């Protein structure tokens, strides 16, 4: 194990080069400008995603900008003051309000008061599926019935049949931790993945269902190992369609790595860690520790040790050829 562990670091960046939740080249300048109090680049970025119907990017950027506004609200307050009816500002406002509502001890009551903000965001651009992803998160927090959930889901897929964020939010609602069951969660994930377009992140939904199952206190019942392995295999196939060290699939690769570790598929986990490169993400590691980057690095070392422990000290000898006695 001591001999092989250093060799298994090949393809893995040093710990000091690994970063958490790195913004892409479009979002980074908007965050820098917002840090200086200038909302202009953020407004332009979200306007571009809306005009070009880049719904996946729009969802990611909205989430990150709302998270930044939680700790640095001045630039966002200026944006709302300058353009109170801007569809992009209204979208960030709705996301920010729901995130804040989730943090309150009076979550359900406070979230219900946020409903007009979701309506305003949805009406600002009727084509946009992102307000409906936020509405699905909102429904989970307000204990909405399955009937309400299904109505919201229909509105979401009517706007974008393959929107990953809406699917991921719906999966959470259907999980055993909320208002569904492990089986219901897996059935939904597998149906969606089978209908997904080539290269779509929706193909990782069964792995998300596996994550929900493996992190559940009652995960020893209900889902056979074969179904978990099939979910991991599907996500591995998707991961291989993207370049190594690509920030776009970083979160799904981090999620997949967790699932592979729980399944003790150490070689596959090491492959994903190499594909992740320097792009650690808060999810799923923030579900296990207050220091998600430290958790990721610790797990990365643990995977190398596990692989090294299973690697023979010397390769097995081949068949003895004539004359070799």
C-alpha atoms as a PDB file:
ATOM      1  CA  UNK A   1       0.000   0.000   0.000  1.00  0.00           C
ATOM      2  CA  UNK A   2       2.820   2.407   0.850  1.00  0.00           C
ATOM      3  CA  UNK A   3       4.480   1.625  -2.479  1.00  0.00           C
ATOM      4  CA  UNK A   4       1.387   2.168  -4.618  1.00  0.00           C
ATOM      5  CA  UNK A   5      -0.282   5.152  -2.942  1.00  0.00           C
ATOM      6  CA  UNK A   6       2.081   7.823  -4.401  1.00  0.00           C
ATOM      7  CA  UNK A   7       1.673   6.401  -7.918  1.00  0.00           C
ATOM      8  CA  UNK A   8      -2.102   6.583  -7.587  1.00  0.00           C
ATOM      9  CA  UNK A   9      -1.823  10.358  -7.131  1.00  0.00           C
ATOM     10  CA  UNK A  10      -1.063  10.606 -10.865  1.00  0.00           C
ATOM     11  CA  UNK A  11      -3.728  12.738 -12.522  1.00  0.00           C
ATOM     12  CA  UNK A  12      -4.852  14.263  -9.226  1.00  0.00           C
ATOM     13  CA  UNK A  13      -4.015  17.936  -8.622  1.00  0.00           C
ATOM     14  CA  UNK A  14      -2.226  18.782  -5.363  1.00  0.00           C
ATOM     15  CA  UNK A  15      -4.466  19.621  -2.434  1.00  0.00           C
ATOM     16  CA  UNK A  16      -3.553  23.300  -2.623  1.00  0.00           C
ATOM     17  CA  UNK A  17      -4.787  23.505  -6.233  1.00  0.00           C
ATOM     18  CA  UNK A  18      -8.251  22.128  -5.478  1.00  0.00           C
ATOM     19  CA  UNK A  19     -10.897  24.839  -5.224  1.00  0.00           C
ATOM     20  CA  UNK A  20     -14.500  24.830  -4.046  1.00  0.00           C
ATOM     21  CA  UNK A  21     -17.410  25.949  -6.247  1.00  0.00           C
ATOM     22  CA  UNK A  22     -15.271  27.758  -8.817  1.00  0.00           C
ATOM     23  CA  UNK A  23     -17.437  30.041 -11.004  1.00  0.00           C
ATOM     24  CA  UNK A  24     -17.089  29.651 -14.751  1.00  0.00           C
ATOM     25  CA  UNK A  25     -15.577  32.274 -17.024  1.00  0.00           C
ATOM     26  CA  UNK A  26     -18.948  33.995 -17.543  1.00  0.00           C
ATOM     27  CA  UNK A  27     -20.065  34.126 -13.920  1.00  0.00           C
ATOM     28  CA  UNK A  28     -16.721  35.061 -12.362  1.00  0.00           C
ATOM     29  CA  UNK A  29     -16.601  38.649 -13.764  1.00  0.00           C
ATOM     30  CA  UNK A  30     -20.201  39.249 -12.659  1.00  0.00           C
ATOM     31  CA  UNK A  31     -19.372  38.187  -9.102  1.00  0.00           C
ATOM     32  CA  UNK A  32     -16.243  40.341  -9.044  1.00  0.00           C
ATOM     33  CA  UNK A  33     -18.256  43.338 -10.227  1.00  0.00           C
ATOM     34  CA  UNK A  34     -20.991  42.657  -7.680  1.00  0.00           C
ATOM     35  CA  UNK A  35     -18.315  42.589  -4.995  1.00  0.00           C
ATOM     36  CA  UNK A  36     -17.431  46.141  -6.069  1.00  0.00           C
ATOM     37  CA  UNK A  37     -21.099  47.163  -5.872  1.00  0.00           C
ATOM     38  CA  UNK A  38     -21.775  47.031  -9.627  1.00  0.00           C
ATOM     39  CA  UNK A  39     -24.811  44.958 -10.583  1.00  0.00           C
ATOM     40  CA  UNK A  40     -24.494  45.679 -14.306  1.00  0.00           C
ATOM     41  CA  UNK A  41     -22.535  42.556 -15.368  1.00  0.00           C
ATOM     42  CA  UNK A  42     -24.842  40.255 -13.362  1.00  0.00           C
ATOM     43  CA  UNK A  43     -27.906  41.842 -14.954  1.00  0.00           C
ATOM     44  CA  UNK A  44     -26.376  41.517 -18.410  1.00  0.00           C
ATOM     45  CA  UNK A  45     -25.390  37.887 -17.819  1.00  0.00           C
ATOM     46  CA  UNK A  46     -28.872  36.804 -16.762  1.00  0.00           C
ATOM     47  CA  UNK A  47     -30.468  38.826 -19.562  1.00  0.00           C
ATOM     48  CA  UNK A  48     -28.273  36.970 -22.041  1.00  0.00           C
ATOM     49  CA  UNK A  49     -29.322  33.574 -20.674  1.00  0.00           C
ATOM     50  CA  UNK A  50     -32.979  34.579 -20.870  1.00  0.00           C
ATOM     51  CA  UNK A  51     -32.781  35.943 -24.418  1.00  0.00           C
ATOM     52  CA  UNK A  52     -30.881  32.850 -25.624  1.00  0.00           C
ATOM     53  CA  UNK A  53     -33.062  30.425 -23.629  1.00  0.00           C
ATOM     54  CA  UNK A  54     -29.974  29.059 -21.843  1.00  0.00           C
ATOM     55  CA  UNK A  55     -32.103  27.679 -19.054  1.00  0.00           C
ATOM     56  CA  UNK A  56     -29.493  25.431 -17.443  1.00  0.00           C
ATOM     57  CA  UNK A  57     -26.954  28.261 -17.228  1.00  0.00           C
ATOM     58  CA  UNK A  58     -29.672  30.647 -16.090  1.00  0.00           C
ATOM     59  CA  UNK A  59     -30.564  28.369 -13.212  1.00  0.00           C
ATOM     60  CA  UNK A  60     -26.944  27.915 -12.115  1.00  0.00           C
ATOM     61  CA  UNK A  61     -26.153  31.623 -12.336  1.00  0.00           C
ATOM     62  CA  UNK A  62     -29.325  32.600 -10.492  1.00  0.00           C
ATOM     63  CA  UNK A  63     -28.462  30.248  -7.640  1.00  0.00           C
ATOM     64  CA  UNK A  64     -24.918  31.569  -7.349  1.00  0.00           C
ATOM     65  CA  UNK A  65     -25.927  35.241  -7.579  1.00  0.00           C
ATOM     66  CA  UNK A  66     -28.613  34.760  -4.921  1.00  0.00           C
ATOM     67  CA  UNK A  67     -26.063  33.063  -2.665  1.00  0.00           C
ATOM     68  CA  UNK A  68     -23.717  36.008  -3.123  1.00  0.00           C
ATOM     69  CA  UNK A  69     -26.536  38.469  -2.397  1.00  0.00           C
ATOM     70  CA  UNK A  70     -27.167  36.747   0.947  1.00  0.00           C
ATOM     71  CA  UNK A  71     -23.791  37.864   2.242  1.00  0.00           C
ATOM     72  CA  UNK A  72     -23.289  40.994   0.101  1.00  0.00           C
ATOM     73  CA  UNK A  73     -26.770  42.468  -0.500  1.00  0.00           C
ATOM     74  CA  UNK A  74     -25.876  46.061  -1.412  1.00  0.00           C
ATOM     75  CA  UNK A  75     -25.335  45.494  -5.152  1.00  0.00           C
ATOM     76  CA  UNK A  76     -28.566  43.522  -5.415  1.00  0.00           C
ATOM     77  CA  UNK A  77     -30.561  46.114  -3.512  1.00  0.00           C
ATOM     78  CA  UNK A  78     -29.280  48.721  -5.980  1.00  0.00           C
ATOM     79  CA  UNK A  79     -30.324  46.497  -8.896  1.00  0.00           C
ATOM     80  CA  UNK A  80     -33.862  46.115  -7.539  1.00  0.00           C
ATOM     81  CA  UNK A  81     -34.090  49.820  -6.841  1.00  0.00           C
ATOM     82  CA  UNK A  82     -32.966  50.708 -10.366  1.00  0.00           C
ATOM     83  CA  UNK A  83     -35.065  48.035 -12.163  1.00  0.00           C
ATOM     84  CA  UNK A  84     -37.846  46.749  -9.880  1.00  0.00           C
ATOM     85  CA  UNK A  85     -39.631  44.966 -12.763  1.00  0.00           C
ATOM     86  CA  UNK A  86     -36.552  43.422 -14.389  1.00  0.00           C
ATOM     87  CA  UNK A  87     -37.350  39.698 -14.981  1.00  0.00           C
ATOM     88  CA  UNK A  88     -33.807  38.760 -14.031  1.00  0.00           C
ATOM     89  CA  UNK A  89     -33.800  40.755 -10.798  1.00  0.00           C
ATOM     90  CA  UNK A  90     -37.203  39.299  -9.902  1.00  0.00           C
ATOM     91  CA  UNK A  91     -35.849  35.799 -10.474  1.00  0.00           C
ATOM     92  CA  UNK A  92     -32.883  36.332  -8.149  1.00  0.00           C
ATOM     93  CA  UNK A  93     -35.221  37.960  -5.623  1.00  0.00           C
ATOM     94  CA  UNK A  94     -37.473  34.891  -5.603  1.00  0.00           C
ATOM     95  CA  UNK A  95     -34.538  32.487  -5.244  1.00  0.00           C
ATOM     96  CA  UNK A  96     -33.030  34.561  -2.441  1.00  0.00           C
ATOM     97  CA  UNK A  97     -36.336  34.751  -0.578  1.00  0.00           C
ATOM     98  CA  UNK A  98     -36.894  30.987  -0.748  1.00  0.00           C
ATOM     99  CA  UNK A  99     -33.346  30.223   0.397  1.00  0.00           C
ATOM    100  CA  UNK A 100     -33.766  32.577   3.352  1.00  0.00           C
ATOM    101  CA  UNK A 101     -37.140  31.055   4.148  1.00  0.00           C
ATOM    102  CA  UNK A 102     -35.628  27.584   4.295  1.00  0.00           C
ATOM    103  CA  UNK A 103     -33.241  28.758   7.014  1.00  0.00           C
ATOM    104  CA  UNK A 104     -36.020  29.955   9.324  1.00  0.00           C
ATOM    105  CA  UNK A 105     -37.413  27.838  12.175  1.00  0.00           C
ATOM    106  CA  UNK A 106     -40.852  28.964  10.939  1.00  0.00           C
ATOM    107  CA  UNK A 107     -39.990  27.697   7.458  1.00  0.00           C
ATOM    108  CA  UNK A 108     -43.412  26.684   6.149  1.00  0.00           C
ATOM    109  CA  UNK A 109     -45.183  29.832   7.338  1.00  0.00           C
ATOM    110  CA  UNK A 110     -42.460  32.165   6.068  1.00  0.00           C
ATOM    111  CA  UNK A 111     -42.227  30.420   2.701  1.00  0.00           C
ATOM    112  CA  UNK A 112     -45.961  30.707   2.171  1.00  0.00           C
ATOM    113  CA  UNK A 113     -45.577  34.467   2.472  1.00  0.00           C
ATOM    114  CA  UNK A 114     -43.083  34.340  -0.411  1.00  0.00           C
ATOM    115  CA  UNK A 115     -45.618  33.020  -2.926  1.00  0.00           C
ATOM    116  CA  UNK A 116     -46.237  36.426  -4.572  1.00  0.00           C
ATOM    117  CA  UNK A 117     -42.521  36.713  -5.351  1.00  0.00           C
ATOM    118  CA  UNK A 118     -42.607  33.393  -7.217  1.00  0.00           C
ATOM    119  CA  UNK A 119     -45.684  34.509  -9.141  1.00  0.00           C
ATOM    120  CA  UNK A 120     -43.972  37.757 -10.124  1.00  0.00           C
ATOM    121  CA  UNK A 121     -40.872  35.924 -11.336  1.00  0.00           C
ATOM    122  CA  UNK A 122     -42.921  33.423 -13.339  1.00  0.00           C
ATOM    123  CA  UNK A 123     -45.083  36.111 -14.951  1.00  0.00           C
ATOM    124  CA  UNK A 124     -42.068  38.273 -15.837  1.00  0.00           C
ATOM    125  CA  UNK A 125     -41.096  35.770 -18.554  1.00  0.00           C
ATOM    126  CA  UNK A 126     -43.631  32.989 -19.159  1.00  0.00           C
ATOM    127  CA  UNK A 127     -41.069  30.947 -21.129  1.00  0.00           C
ATOM    128  CA  UNK A 128     -38.654  30.597 -18.233  1.00  0.00           C
ATOM    129  CA  UNK A 129     -38.636  27.240 -16.371  1.00  0.00           C
ATOM    130  CA  UNK A 130     -36.357  28.489 -13.567  1.00  0.00           C
ATOM    131  CA  UNK A 131     -39.170  30.131 -11.524  1.00  0.00           C
ATOM    132  CA  UNK A 132     -40.877  26.746 -11.581  1.00  0.00           C
ATOM    133  CA  UNK A 133     -37.773  25.042 -10.232  1.00  0.00           C
ATOM    134  CA  UNK A 134     -37.865  27.574  -7.399  1.00  0.00           C
ATOM    135  CA  UNK A 135     -41.590  26.860  -6.990  1.00  0.00           C
ATOM    136  CA  UNK A 136     -40.855  23.134  -6.653  1.00  0.00           C
ATOM    137  CA  UNK A 137     -38.334  23.904  -3.895  1.00  0.00           C
ATOM    138  CA  UNK A 138     -40.938  26.172  -2.316  1.00  0.00           C
ATOM    139  CA  UNK A 139     -43.571  23.411  -2.468  1.00  0.00           C
ATOM    140  CA  UNK A 140     -41.301  21.021  -0.598  1.00  0.00           C
ATOM    141  CA  UNK A 141     -40.805  23.587   2.178  1.00  0.00           C
ATOM    142  CA  UNK A 142     -44.492  24.451   2.516  1.00  0.00           C
ATOM    143  CA  UNK A 143     -45.671  20.812   2.769  1.00  0.00           C
ATOM    144  CA  UNK A 144     -47.556  21.130  -0.505  1.00  0.00           C
ATOM    145  CA  UNK A 145     -49.707  18.165  -1.491  1.00  0.00           C
ATOM    146  CA  UNK A 146     -48.884  15.778  -4.325  1.00  0.00           C
ATOM    147  CA  UNK A 147     -51.648  17.440  -6.345  1.00  0.00           C
ATOM    148  CA  UNK A 148     -49.981  20.846  -6.026  1.00  0.00           C
ATOM    149  CA  UNK A 149     -46.598  19.305  -6.773  1.00  0.00           C
ATOM    150  CA  UNK A 150     -47.924  17.664  -9.952  1.00  0.00           C
ATOM    151  CA  UNK A 151     -49.417  20.967 -11.123  1.00  0.00           C
ATOM    152  CA  UNK A 152     -46.081  22.729 -10.633  1.00  0.00           C
ATOM    153  CA  UNK A 153     -44.232  19.878 -12.337  1.00  0.00           C
ATOM    154  CA  UNK A 154     -46.493  20.121 -15.383  1.00  0.00           C
ATOM    155  CA  UNK A 155     -45.800  23.852 -15.636  1.00  0.00           C
ATOM    156  CA  UNK A 156     -42.053  23.224 -15.381  1.00  0.00           C
ATOM    157  CA  UNK A 157     -41.794  20.522 -18.066  1.00  0.00           C
ATOM    158  CA  UNK A 158     -44.130  22.456 -20.366  1.00  0.00           C
ATOM    159  CA  UNK A 159     -41.430  25.124 -20.531  1.00  0.00           C
ATOM    160  CA  UNK A 160     -38.411  22.830 -20.678  1.00  0.00           C
ATOM    161  CA  UNK A 161     -38.868  19.071 -20.896  1.00  0.00           C
ATOM    162  CA  UNK A 162     -35.254  18.307 -20.000  1.00  0.00           C
ATOM    163  CA  UNK A 163     -34.390  20.960 -17.447  1.00  0.00           C
ATOM    164  CA  UNK A 164     -32.011  19.339 -14.965  1.00  0.00           C
ATOM    165  CA  UNK A 165     -32.718  21.729 -12.089  1.00  0.00           C
ATOM    166  CA  UNK A 166     -36.459  21.103 -12.207  1.00  0.00           C
ATOM    167  CA  UNK A 167     -35.877  17.344 -12.322  1.00  0.00           C
ATOM    168  CA  UNK A 168     -33.465  17.450  -9.376  1.00  0.00           C
ATOM    169  CA  UNK A 169     -35.929  19.501  -7.319  1.00  0.00           C
ATOM    170  CA  UNK A 170     -38.810  17.163  -8.165  1.00  0.00           C
ATOM    171  CA  UNK A 171     -36.655  14.189  -7.195  1.00  0.00           C
ATOM    172  CA  UNK A 172     -36.121  15.670  -3.742  1.00  0.00           C
ATOM    173  CA  UNK A 173     -39.860  16.139  -3.249  1.00  0.00           C
ATOM    174  CA  UNK A 174     -40.417  12.481  -4.178  1.00  0.00           C
ATOM    175  CA  UNK A 175     -37.649  11.158  -1.926  1.00  0.00           C
ATOM    176  CA  UNK A 176     -38.315   9.228   1.255  1.00  0.00           C
ATOM    177  CA  UNK A 177     -36.843  12.098   3.259  1.00  0.00           C
ATOM    178  CA  UNK A 178     -39.768  14.291   2.129  1.00  0.00           C
ATOM    179  CA  UNK A 179     -43.084  13.237   0.600  1.00  0.00           C
ATOM    180  CA  UNK A 180     -42.342  10.085  -1.364  1.00  0.00           C
ATOM    181  CA  UNK A 181     -40.454   6.834  -0.994  1.00  0.00           C
ATOM    182  CA  UNK A 182     -37.187   5.316  -2.132  1.00  0.00           C
ATOM    183  CA  UNK A 183     -38.993   3.323  -4.798  1.00  0.00           C
ATOM    184  CA  UNK A 184     -40.986   6.311  -6.046  1.00  0.00           C
ATOM    185  CA  UNK A 185     -37.789   8.357  -6.180  1.00  0.00           C
ATOM    186  CA  UNK A 186     -35.936   5.705  -8.192  1.00  0.00           C
ATOM    187  CA  UNK A 187     -38.861   5.119 -10.553  1.00  0.00           C
ATOM    188  CA  UNK A 188     -39.046   8.833 -11.349  1.00  0.00           C
ATOM    189  CA  UNK A 189     -35.277   9.116 -11.822  1.00  0.00           C
ATOM    190  CA  UNK A 190     -35.005   6.075 -14.085  1.00  0.00           C
ATOM    191  CA  UNK A 191     -37.927   7.137 -16.284  1.00  0.00           C
ATOM    192  CA  UNK A 192     -36.459  10.604 -16.723  1.00  0.00           C
ATOM    193  CA  UNK A 193     -32.981   9.251 -17.472  1.00  0.00           C
ATOM    194  CA  UNK A 194     -34.299   6.839 -20.089  1.00  0.00           C
ATOM    195  CA  UNK A 195     -36.019   9.727 -21.901  1.00  0.00           C
ATOM    196  CA  UNK A 196     -33.073  12.134 -21.608  1.00  0.00           C
ATOM    197  CA  UNK A 197     -31.155  13.511 -24.548  1.00  0.00           C
ATOM    198  CA  UNK A 198     -27.575  12.280 -25.134  1.00  0.00           C
ATOM    199  CA  UNK A 199     -25.161  14.057 -22.822  1.00  0.00           C
ATOM    200  CA  UNK A 200     -27.950  15.431 -20.632  1.00  0.00           C
ATOM    201  CA  UNK A 201     -27.228  15.757 -16.932  1.00  0.00           C
ATOM    202  CA  UNK A 202     -30.641  14.185 -16.344  1.00  0.00           C
ATOM    203  CA  UNK A 203     -28.896  10.845 -16.829  1.00  0.00           C
ATOM    204  CA  UNK A 204     -27.361  11.334 -13.382  1.00  0.00           C
ATOM    205  CA  UNK A 205     -30.791  11.432 -11.695  1.00  0.00           C
ATOM    206  CA  UNK A 206     -30.708   7.731 -10.726  1.00  0.00           C
ATOM    207  CA  UNK A 207     -27.370   8.427  -9.017  1.00  0.00           C
ATOM    208  CA  UNK A 208     -29.073  11.288  -7.163  1.00  0.00           C
ATOM    209  CA  UNK A 209     -31.773   8.818  -6.128  1.00  0.00           C
ATOM    210  CA  UNK A 210     -29.005   6.474  -4.963  1.00  0.00           C
ATOM    211  CA  UNK A 211     -27.490   9.324  -2.952  1.00  0.00           C
ATOM    212  CA  UNK A 212     -30.842  10.008  -1.285  1.00  0.00           C
ATOM    213  CA  UNK A 213     -31.163   6.315  -0.485  1.00  0.00           C
ATOM    214  CA  UNK A 214     -27.624   5.849   0.803  1.00  0.00           C
ATOM    215  CA  UNK A 215     -27.890   8.888   3.084  1.00  0.00           C
ATOM    216  CA  UNK A 216     -31.238   7.761   4.493  1.00  0.00           C
ATOM    217  CA  UNK A 217     -31.312   6.188   7.971  1.00  0.00           C
ATOM    218  CA  UNK A 218     -33.384   3.300   6.566  1.00  0.00           C
ATOM    219  CA  UNK A 219     -31.272   2.667   3.489  1.00  0.00           C
ATOM    220  CA  UNK A 220     -30.761  -1.011   4.266  1.00  0.00           C
ATOM    221  CA  UNK A 221     -34.244  -1.838   2.994  1.00  0.00           C
ATOM    222  CA  UNK A 222     -36.017  -1.639  -0.316  1.00  0.00           C
ATOM    223  CA  UNK A 223     -33.527  -0.990  -3.127  1.00  0.00           C
ATOM    224  CA  UNK A 224     -31.420  -3.912  -4.415  1.00  0.00           C
ATOM    225  CA  UNK A 225     -27.695  -3.461  -4.956  1.00  0.00           C
ATOM    226  CA  UNK A 226     -28.113  -4.078  -8.699  1.00  0.00           C
ATOM    227  CA  UNK A 227     -30.276  -0.977  -9.024  1.00  0.00           C
ATOM    228  CA  UNK A 228     -27.703   1.142  -7.213  1.00  0.00           C
ATOM    229  CA  UNK A 229     -24.887  -0.147  -9.422  1.00  0.00           C
ATOM    230  CA  UNK A 230     -26.936   0.498 -12.566  1.00  0.00           C
ATOM    231  CA  UNK A 231     -27.489   4.101 -11.432  1.00  0.00           C
ATOM    232  CA  UNK A 232     -23.759   4.528 -10.877  1.00  0.00           C
ATOM    233  CA  UNK A 233     -22.907   2.931 -14.236  1.00  0.00           C
ATOM    234  CA  UNK A 234     -25.254   5.283 -16.083  1.00  0.00           C
ATOM    235  CA  UNK A 235     -23.678   8.314 -14.404  1.00  0.00           C
ATOM    236  CA  UNK A 236     -20.163   6.992 -15.162  1.00  0.00           C
ATOM    237  CA  UNK A 237     -21.103   6.784 -18.843  1.00  0.00           C
ATOM    238  CA  UNK A 238     -22.355  10.374 -18.765  1.00  0.00           C
ATOM    239  CA  UNK A 239     -19.213  11.596 -16.970  1.00  0.00           C
ATOM    240  CA  UNK A 240     -16.997  10.064 -19.653  1.00  0.00           C
ATOM    241  CA  UNK A 241     -18.756  12.139 -22.318  1.00  0.00           C
ATOM    242  CA  UNK A 242     -17.237  15.308 -20.841  1.00  0.00           C
ATOM    243  CA  UNK A 243     -13.609  16.387 -20.811  1.00  0.00           C
ATOM    244  CA  UNK A 244     -11.546  15.871 -17.672  1.00  0.00           C
ATOM    245  CA  UNK A 245     -11.431  18.887 -15.348  1.00  0.00           C
ATOM    246  CA  UNK A 246     -14.518  20.405 -16.976  1.00  0.00           C
ATOM    247  CA  UNK A 247     -16.337  22.648 -14.471  1.00  0.00           C
ATOM    248  CA  UNK A 248     -19.773  22.062 -16.076  1.00  0.00           C
ATOM    249  CA  UNK A 249     -20.270  18.447 -14.841  1.00  0.00           C
ATOM    250  CA  UNK A 250     -18.235  18.987 -11.657  1.00  0.00           C
ATOM    251  CA  UNK A 251     -21.177  18.725  -9.264  1.00  0.00           C
ATOM    252  CA  UNK A 252     -22.538  15.522 -10.788  1.00  0.00           C
ATOM    253  CA  UNK A 253     -19.031  14.020 -10.719  1.00  0.00           C
ATOM    254  CA  UNK A 254     -18.654  14.932  -7.040  1.00  0.00           C
ATOM    255  CA  UNK A 255     -22.056  13.368  -6.330  1.00  0.00           C
ATOM    256  CA  UNK A 256     -21.153  10.254  -8.320  1.00  0.00           C
ATOM    257  CA  UNK A 257     -17.888   9.914  -6.408  1.00  0.00           C
ATOM    258  CA  UNK A 258     -19.783   9.844  -3.114  1.00  0.00           C
ATOM    259  CA  UNK A 259     -22.113   7.136  -4.408  1.00  0.00           C
ATOM    260  CA  UNK A 260     -19.196   5.040  -5.702  1.00  0.00           C
ATOM    261  CA  UNK A 261     -17.408   5.322  -2.366  1.00  0.00           C
ATOM    262  CA  UNK A 262     -20.511   4.169  -0.495  1.00  0.00           C
ATOM    263  CA  UNK A 263     -20.735   1.231  -2.907  1.00  0.00           C
ATOM    264  CA  UNK A 264     -17.011   0.539  -2.289  1.00  0.00           C
ATOM    265  CA  UNK A 265     -16.255   0.795  -6.002  1.00  0.00           C
ATOM    266  CA  UNK A 266     -12.832   2.241  -5.317  1.00  0.00           C
ATOM    267  CA  UNK A 267     -11.306   2.085  -8.813  1.00  0.00           C
ATOM    268  CA  UNK A 268     -14.337   3.807 -10.320  1.00  0.00           C
ATOM    269  CA  UNK A 269     -14.239   6.445  -7.579  1.00  0.00           C
ATOM    270  CA  UNK A 270     -10.569   7.146  -8.303  1.00  0.00           C
ATOM    271  CA  UNK A 271     -11.388   7.573 -12.002  1.00  0.00           C
ATOM    272  CA  UNK A 272     -14.022  10.188 -11.128  1.00  0.00           C
ATOM    273  CA  UNK A 273     -11.611  12.016  -8.836  1.00  0.00           C
ATOM    274  CA  UNK A 274      -9.181  12.301 -11.747  1.00  0.00           C
ATOM    275  CA  UNK A 275     -11.971  13.593 -13.985  1.00  0.00           C
ATOM    276  CA  UNK A 276     -13.029  16.114 -11.323  1.00  0.00           C
ATOM    277  CA  UNK A 277      -9.538  17.599 -11.276  1.00  0.00           C
ATOM    278  CA  UNK A 278      -9.462  20.816  -9.218  1.00  0.00           C
ATOM    279  CA  UNK A 279     -13.256  21.342  -9.183  1.00  0.00           C
ATOM    280  CA  UNK A 280     -14.651  20.284  -5.825  1.00  0.00           C
ATOM    281  CA  UNK A 281     -18.247  21.318  -5.132  1.00  0.00           C
ATOM    282  CA  UNK A 282     -20.059  21.973  -1.871  1.00  0.00           C
ATOM    283  CA  UNK A 283     -22.727  19.398  -2.710  1.00  0.00           C
ATOM    284  CA  UNK A 284     -22.630  16.624  -1.602  1.00  0.00           C
ATOM    285  CA  UNK A 285     -19.771  17.109   0.865  1.00  0.00           C
ATOM    286  CA  UNK A 286     -21.561  19.825   2.862  1.00  0.00           C
ATOM    287  CA  UNK A 287     -24.100  17.140   3.814  1.00  0.00           C
ATOM    288  CA  UNK A 288     -21.332  15.327   5.725  1.00  0.00           C
ATOM    289  CA  UNK A 289     -19.188  18.099   7.210  1.00  0.00           C
ATOM    290  CA  UNK A 290     -19.045  21.831   7.870  1.00  0.00           C
ATOM    291  CA  UNK A 291     -15.857  21.940   5.789  1.00  0.00           C
ATOM    292  CA  UNK A 292     -16.851  20.481   2.393  1.00  0.00           C
ATOM    293  CA  UNK A 293     -13.447  21.099   0.792  1.00  0.00           C
ATOM    294  CA  UNK A 294     -11.653  19.397   3.673  1.00  0.00           C
ATOM    295  CA  UNK A 295     -14.133  16.508   3.453  1.00  0.00           C
ATOM    296  CA  UNK A 296     -13.455  16.145  -0.277  1.00  0.00           C
ATOM    297  CA  UNK A 297      -9.692  16.114   0.178  1.00  0.00           C
ATOM    298  CA  UNK A 298      -9.914  13.635   3.048  1.00  0.00           C
ATOM    299  CA  UNK A 299     -12.084  11.329   0.997  1.00  0.00           C
ATOM    300  CA  UNK A 300      -9.723  11.634  -1.971  1.00  0.00           C
ATOM    301  CA  UNK A 301      -6.851  10.395   0.193  1.00  0.00           C
ATOM    302  CA  UNK A 302      -9.028   7.591   1.518  1.00  0.00           C
ATOM    303  CA  UNK A 303      -9.899   6.382  -1.990  1.00  0.00           C
ATOM    304  CA  UNK A 304      -6.218   6.253  -2.966  1.00  0.00           C
ATOM    305  CA  UNK A 305      -5.445   4.196   0.146  1.00  0.00           C
ATOM    306  CA  UNK A 306      -8.283   1.777  -0.608  1.00  0.00           C
ATOM    307  CA  UNK A 307      -7.121   1.276  -4.200  1.00  0.00           C
ATOM    308  CA  UNK A 308      -3.511   0.883  -3.069  1.00  0.00           C
ATOM    309  CA  UNK A 309      -4.504  -1.742  -0.517  1.00  0.00           C
ATOM    310  CA  UNK A 310      -6.070  -3.852  -3.267  1.00  0.00           C
ATOM    311  CA  UNK A 311      -3.145  -3.496  -5.698  1.00  0.00           C
ATOM    312  CA  UNK A 312      -0.757  -6.489  -5.759  1.00  0.00           C
ATOM    313  CA  UNK A 313       2.812  -5.713  -4.752  1.00  0.00           C
ATOM    314  CA  UNK A 314       4.050  -7.432  -7.903  1.00  0.00           C
ATOM    315  CA  UNK A 315       2.072  -8.276 -11.042  1.00  0.00           C
ATOM    316  CA  UNK A 316       1.154 -11.956 -11.292  1.00  0.00           C
ATOM    317  CA  UNK A 317       3.597 -14.017 -13.314  1.00  0.00           C
ATOM    318  CA  UNK A 318       2.428 -15.280 -16.693  1.00  0.00           C
ATOM    319  CA  UNK A 319       2.522 -18.913 -17.798  1.00  0.00           C
ATOM    320  CA  UNK A 320       5.946 -20.526 -17.780  1.00  0.00           C
ATOM    321  CA  UNK A 321       7.295 -20.743 -21.318  1.00  0.00           C
ATOM    322  CA  UNK A 322       9.404 -23.572 -22.656  1.00  0.00           C
ATOM    323  CA  UNK A 323      12.932 -23.429 -21.308  1.00  0.00           C
ATOM    324  CA  UNK A 324      11.934 -21.405 -18.200  1.00  0.00           C
ATOM    325  CA  UNK A 325      12.517 -24.009 -15.476  1.00  0.00           C
END
